[in-house]
Structure formats: structure tokens, C-alpha cells
């Protein structure tokens, strides 16, 4: 996934996976999204969901409650809704 935005063969592989998965009625989740370019490309390829450091770095389990009560959750949900 690292070179999806710069390497054509990586892009084509991801594109094929998304098309094949959608053909099977599956929801496609991309992991490891680190840049705006990767996010934009996955949106263009109609990937259903994404996760990675572009949205949030890993957090401790006990910190999830603070995140869920924080305005950051609303921001993340707005970003996801815009997709």
C-alpha cells in the first residue's frame, strides 16, 4: 500500500482487489493509509472504508473513551461521511 499513489502496478493491484471484492458483494477496508494522496486514490477507486495513521495513530484501549467523548470523534465521523 505504501506506493499506491506513486507506483502504477500497486495502484492496479488495489483497483483489481476493490473491483473483485465489490463483485462478490464484500465491503472493502484499506489498512495502512498514511497520506492524503493514498486516501484520495482509495476514494477514487471506491474503497468503502479506510484506516491508518492518516486518520489517527494507534491509541491505548483505555484512551478510547476520551476519544469517543472528544470533538475528534465528530471530526473523524465527518471525514468518513464525506467519503
N, C-alpha and C. Protein backbone atom coordinates (compact mmCIF):
# COMPACT_ATOMS: atom_id res chain seq x y z
N UNK A 1 0.83 -1.19 0.00
CA UNK A 1 0.00 0.00 0.00
C UNK A 1 0.87 1.25 0.00
N UNK A 2 2.08 1.13 0.50
CA UNK A 2 2.94 2.28 0.67
C UNK A 2 3.10 3.07 -0.63
N UNK A 3 3.22 2.40 -1.76
CA UNK A 3 3.50 3.08 -3.03
C UNK A 3 2.28 3.18 -3.94
N UNK A 4 1.09 3.03 -3.38
CA UNK A 4 -0.12 3.03 -4.19
C UNK A 4 -0.28 4.32 -5.00
N UNK A 5 0.16 5.44 -4.44
CA UNK A 5 0.00 6.72 -5.12
C UNK A 5 1.11 7.00 -6.12
N UNK A 6 2.20 6.23 -6.09
CA UNK A 6 3.33 6.52 -6.97
C UNK A 6 3.70 5.38 -7.91
N UNK A 7 3.26 4.19 -7.62
CA UNK A 7 3.65 3.03 -8.42
C UNK A 7 2.41 2.45 -9.10
N UNK A 8 2.40 2.50 -10.43
CA UNK A 8 1.23 2.10 -11.20
C UNK A 8 0.82 0.64 -10.95
N UNK A 9 1.79 -0.26 -10.79
CA UNK A 9 1.45 -1.67 -10.57
C UNK A 9 0.74 -1.85 -9.23
N UNK A 10 1.14 -1.09 -8.21
CA UNK A 10 0.46 -1.16 -6.91
C UNK A 10 -0.97 -0.64 -7.02
N UNK A 11 -1.13 0.45 -7.75
CA UNK A 11 -2.47 1.02 -7.94
C UNK A 11 -3.37 0.01 -8.64
N UNK A 12 -2.88 -0.59 -9.69
CA UNK A 12 -3.67 -1.56 -10.46
C UNK A 12 -4.06 -2.77 -9.61
N UNK A 13 -3.16 -3.22 -8.76
CA UNK A 13 -3.45 -4.35 -7.88
C UNK A 13 -4.57 -3.99 -6.91
N UNK A 14 -4.49 -2.82 -6.29
CA UNK A 14 -5.53 -2.38 -5.37
C UNK A 14 -6.85 -2.19 -6.11
N UNK A 15 -6.79 -1.63 -7.29
CA UNK A 15 -8.00 -1.43 -8.10
C UNK A 15 -8.67 -2.77 -8.40
N UNK A 16 -7.88 -3.78 -8.76
CA UNK A 16 -8.43 -5.11 -9.05
C UNK A 16 -9.06 -5.74 -7.81
N UNK A 17 -8.43 -5.56 -6.67
CA UNK A 17 -8.97 -6.11 -5.42
C UNK A 17 -10.31 -5.46 -5.08
N UNK A 18 -10.39 -4.13 -5.24
CA UNK A 18 -11.63 -3.42 -4.94
C UNK A 18 -12.75 -3.88 -5.88
N UNK A 19 -12.47 -3.95 -7.17
CA UNK A 19 -13.48 -4.36 -8.15
C UNK A 19 -13.93 -5.80 -7.88
N UNK A 20 -12.98 -6.70 -7.66
CA UNK A 20 -13.31 -8.09 -7.40
C UNK A 20 -14.14 -8.22 -6.12
N UNK A 21 -13.74 -7.54 -5.07
CA UNK A 21 -14.46 -7.61 -3.80
C UNK A 21 -15.87 -7.07 -3.93
N UNK A 22 -16.03 -5.95 -4.60
CA UNK A 22 -17.37 -5.41 -4.81
C UNK A 22 -18.22 -6.36 -5.64
N UNK A 23 -17.60 -7.02 -6.61
CA UNK A 23 -18.31 -8.01 -7.42
C UNK A 23 -18.83 -9.17 -6.59
N UNK A 24 -18.15 -9.46 -5.50
CA UNK A 24 -18.56 -10.53 -4.60
C UNK A 24 -19.48 -10.02 -3.48
N UNK A 25 -19.81 -8.73 -3.54
CA UNK A 25 -20.69 -8.15 -2.55
C UNK A 25 -20.02 -7.86 -1.21
N UNK A 26 -18.71 -7.75 -1.22
CA UNK A 26 -17.96 -7.50 0.01
C UNK A 26 -17.70 -6.02 0.22
N UNK A 27 -17.53 -5.63 1.46
CA UNK A 27 -17.12 -4.29 1.82
C UNK A 27 -15.59 -4.28 1.85
N UNK A 28 -14.98 -3.28 1.25
CA UNK A 28 -13.53 -3.21 1.15
C UNK A 28 -13.00 -2.23 2.20
N UNK A 29 -12.07 -2.70 3.02
CA UNK A 29 -11.43 -1.88 4.04
C UNK A 29 -9.94 -1.82 3.73
N UNK A 30 -9.42 -0.62 3.49
CA UNK A 30 -7.99 -0.44 3.25
C UNK A 30 -7.31 -0.10 4.57
N UNK A 31 -6.25 -0.80 4.87
CA UNK A 31 -5.49 -0.55 6.09
C UNK A 31 -4.17 0.13 5.74
N UNK A 32 -3.67 0.90 6.67
CA UNK A 32 -2.35 1.49 6.50
C UNK A 32 -2.33 2.76 5.68
N UNK A 33 -3.43 3.49 5.63
CA UNK A 33 -3.47 4.75 4.89
C UNK A 33 -2.68 5.79 5.68
N UNK A 34 -1.65 6.35 5.06
CA UNK A 34 -0.76 7.28 5.75
C UNK A 34 -0.74 8.67 5.16
N UNK A 35 -1.19 8.83 3.92
CA UNK A 35 -1.09 10.14 3.28
C UNK A 35 -2.41 10.55 2.65
N UNK A 36 -2.55 11.84 2.40
CA UNK A 36 -3.74 12.36 1.72
C UNK A 36 -3.82 11.81 0.30
N UNK A 37 -2.68 11.60 -0.32
CA UNK A 37 -2.67 11.06 -1.68
C UNK A 37 -3.23 9.64 -1.71
N UNK A 38 -2.83 8.82 -0.75
CA UNK A 38 -3.36 7.46 -0.67
C UNK A 38 -4.86 7.50 -0.42
N UNK A 39 -5.29 8.36 0.50
CA UNK A 39 -6.71 8.47 0.81
C UNK A 39 -7.51 8.89 -0.42
N UNK A 40 -7.02 9.88 -1.15
CA UNK A 40 -7.72 10.36 -2.34
C UNK A 40 -7.80 9.27 -3.40
N UNK A 41 -6.73 8.53 -3.58
CA UNK A 41 -6.74 7.46 -4.58
C UNK A 41 -7.71 6.35 -4.19
N UNK A 42 -7.74 5.99 -2.94
CA UNK A 42 -8.67 4.95 -2.48
C UNK A 42 -10.12 5.43 -2.64
N UNK A 43 -10.36 6.70 -2.42
CA UNK A 43 -11.69 7.26 -2.64
C UNK A 43 -12.05 7.17 -4.12
N UNK A 44 -11.09 7.51 -4.98
CA UNK A 44 -11.30 7.43 -6.43
C UNK A 44 -11.59 5.98 -6.86
N UNK A 45 -10.94 5.03 -6.22
CA UNK A 45 -11.14 3.62 -6.54
C UNK A 45 -12.38 3.03 -5.88
N UNK A 46 -13.11 3.86 -5.14
CA UNK A 46 -14.36 3.50 -4.48
C UNK A 46 -14.17 2.46 -3.37
N UNK A 47 -13.05 2.58 -2.65
CA UNK A 47 -12.84 1.76 -1.47
C UNK A 47 -13.85 2.21 -0.41
N UNK A 48 -14.48 1.26 0.27
CA UNK A 48 -15.57 1.59 1.19
C UNK A 48 -15.10 2.24 2.49
N UNK A 49 -14.07 1.70 3.10
CA UNK A 49 -13.58 2.19 4.39
C UNK A 49 -12.06 2.21 4.38
N UNK A 50 -11.50 3.13 5.14
CA UNK A 50 -10.04 3.19 5.26
C UNK A 50 -9.68 3.41 6.72
N UNK A 51 -8.47 2.99 7.07
CA UNK A 51 -7.95 3.26 8.41
C UNK A 51 -6.44 3.40 8.29
N UNK A 52 -5.89 4.10 9.22
CA UNK A 52 -4.44 4.26 9.23
C UNK A 52 -4.03 5.54 9.92
N UNK A 53 -2.73 5.77 9.94
CA UNK A 53 -2.18 6.93 10.63
C UNK A 53 -2.63 8.26 10.04
N UNK A 54 -3.10 8.27 8.81
CA UNK A 54 -3.63 9.50 8.22
C UNK A 54 -4.80 10.01 9.05
N UNK A 55 -5.57 9.10 9.61
CA UNK A 55 -6.73 9.47 10.42
C UNK A 55 -6.41 9.53 11.90
N UNK A 56 -5.63 8.59 12.40
CA UNK A 56 -5.29 8.55 13.81
C UNK A 56 -4.15 7.57 14.03
N UNK A 57 -3.23 7.96 14.88
CA UNK A 57 -2.20 7.00 15.26
C UNK A 57 -2.80 6.05 16.29
N UNK A 58 -2.19 4.89 16.49
CA UNK A 58 -2.73 3.93 17.46
C UNK A 58 -2.86 4.56 18.85
N UNK A 59 -3.91 4.15 19.56
CA UNK A 59 -4.11 4.65 20.92
C UNK A 59 -4.31 3.48 21.86
N UNK A 60 -4.09 3.72 23.13
CA UNK A 60 -4.29 2.70 24.15
C UNK A 60 -5.78 2.46 24.34
N UNK A 61 -6.15 1.25 24.71
CA UNK A 61 -7.56 0.88 24.87
C UNK A 61 -8.28 1.80 25.85
N UNK A 62 -7.63 2.14 26.94
CA UNK A 62 -8.29 2.98 27.94
C UNK A 62 -8.51 4.41 27.45
N UNK A 63 -7.79 4.82 26.40
CA UNK A 63 -7.95 6.18 25.87
C UNK A 63 -9.12 6.30 24.90
N UNK A 64 -9.71 5.19 24.50
CA UNK A 64 -10.80 5.22 23.53
C UNK A 64 -12.01 5.98 24.06
N UNK A 65 -12.26 5.89 25.38
CA UNK A 65 -13.41 6.60 25.94
C UNK A 65 -13.24 8.11 25.85
N UNK A 66 -12.02 8.57 26.08
CA UNK A 66 -11.75 10.01 25.94
C UNK A 66 -11.93 10.44 24.49
N UNK A 67 -11.43 9.63 23.58
CA UNK A 67 -11.57 9.95 22.16
C UNK A 67 -13.03 9.99 21.74
N UNK A 68 -13.81 9.03 22.23
CA UNK A 68 -15.22 8.98 21.85
C UNK A 68 -16.02 10.14 22.42
N UNK A 69 -15.59 10.71 23.52
CA UNK A 69 -16.31 11.84 24.09
C UNK A 69 -15.75 13.18 23.60
N UNK A 70 -14.68 13.13 22.88
CA UNK A 70 -13.98 14.31 22.41
C UNK A 70 -14.55 14.77 21.06
N UNK A 71 -14.30 16.02 20.72
CA UNK A 71 -14.70 16.54 19.42
C UNK A 71 -13.98 15.86 18.27
N UNK A 72 -12.87 15.17 18.56
CA UNK A 72 -12.13 14.49 17.50
C UNK A 72 -12.99 13.42 16.85
N UNK A 73 -13.87 12.79 17.62
CA UNK A 73 -14.75 11.77 17.07
C UNK A 73 -15.69 12.38 16.03
N UNK A 74 -16.24 13.52 16.35
CA UNK A 74 -17.13 14.19 15.39
C UNK A 74 -16.37 14.51 14.11
N UNK A 75 -15.14 14.96 14.26
CA UNK A 75 -14.33 15.28 13.09
C UNK A 75 -14.07 14.03 12.26
N UNK A 76 -13.70 12.92 12.89
CA UNK A 76 -13.46 11.68 12.16
C UNK A 76 -14.72 11.21 11.46
N UNK A 77 -15.86 11.31 12.13
CA UNK A 77 -17.12 10.89 11.52
C UNK A 77 -17.48 11.78 10.34
N UNK A 78 -17.19 13.07 10.43
CA UNK A 78 -17.46 13.97 9.32
C UNK A 78 -16.59 13.64 8.12
N UNK A 79 -15.34 13.31 8.39
CA UNK A 79 -14.45 12.92 7.29
C UNK A 79 -14.97 11.65 6.63
N UNK A 80 -15.38 10.68 7.43
CA UNK A 80 -15.89 9.43 6.88
C UNK A 80 -17.19 9.67 6.10
N UNK A 81 -18.07 10.53 6.60
CA UNK A 81 -19.32 10.81 5.92
C UNK A 81 -19.08 11.49 4.57
N UNK A 82 -18.03 12.28 4.51
CA UNK A 82 -17.70 12.99 3.26
C UNK A 82 -17.21 12.03 2.19
N UNK A 83 -16.73 10.87 2.60
CA UNK A 83 -16.24 9.88 1.63
C UNK A 83 -17.41 9.37 0.85
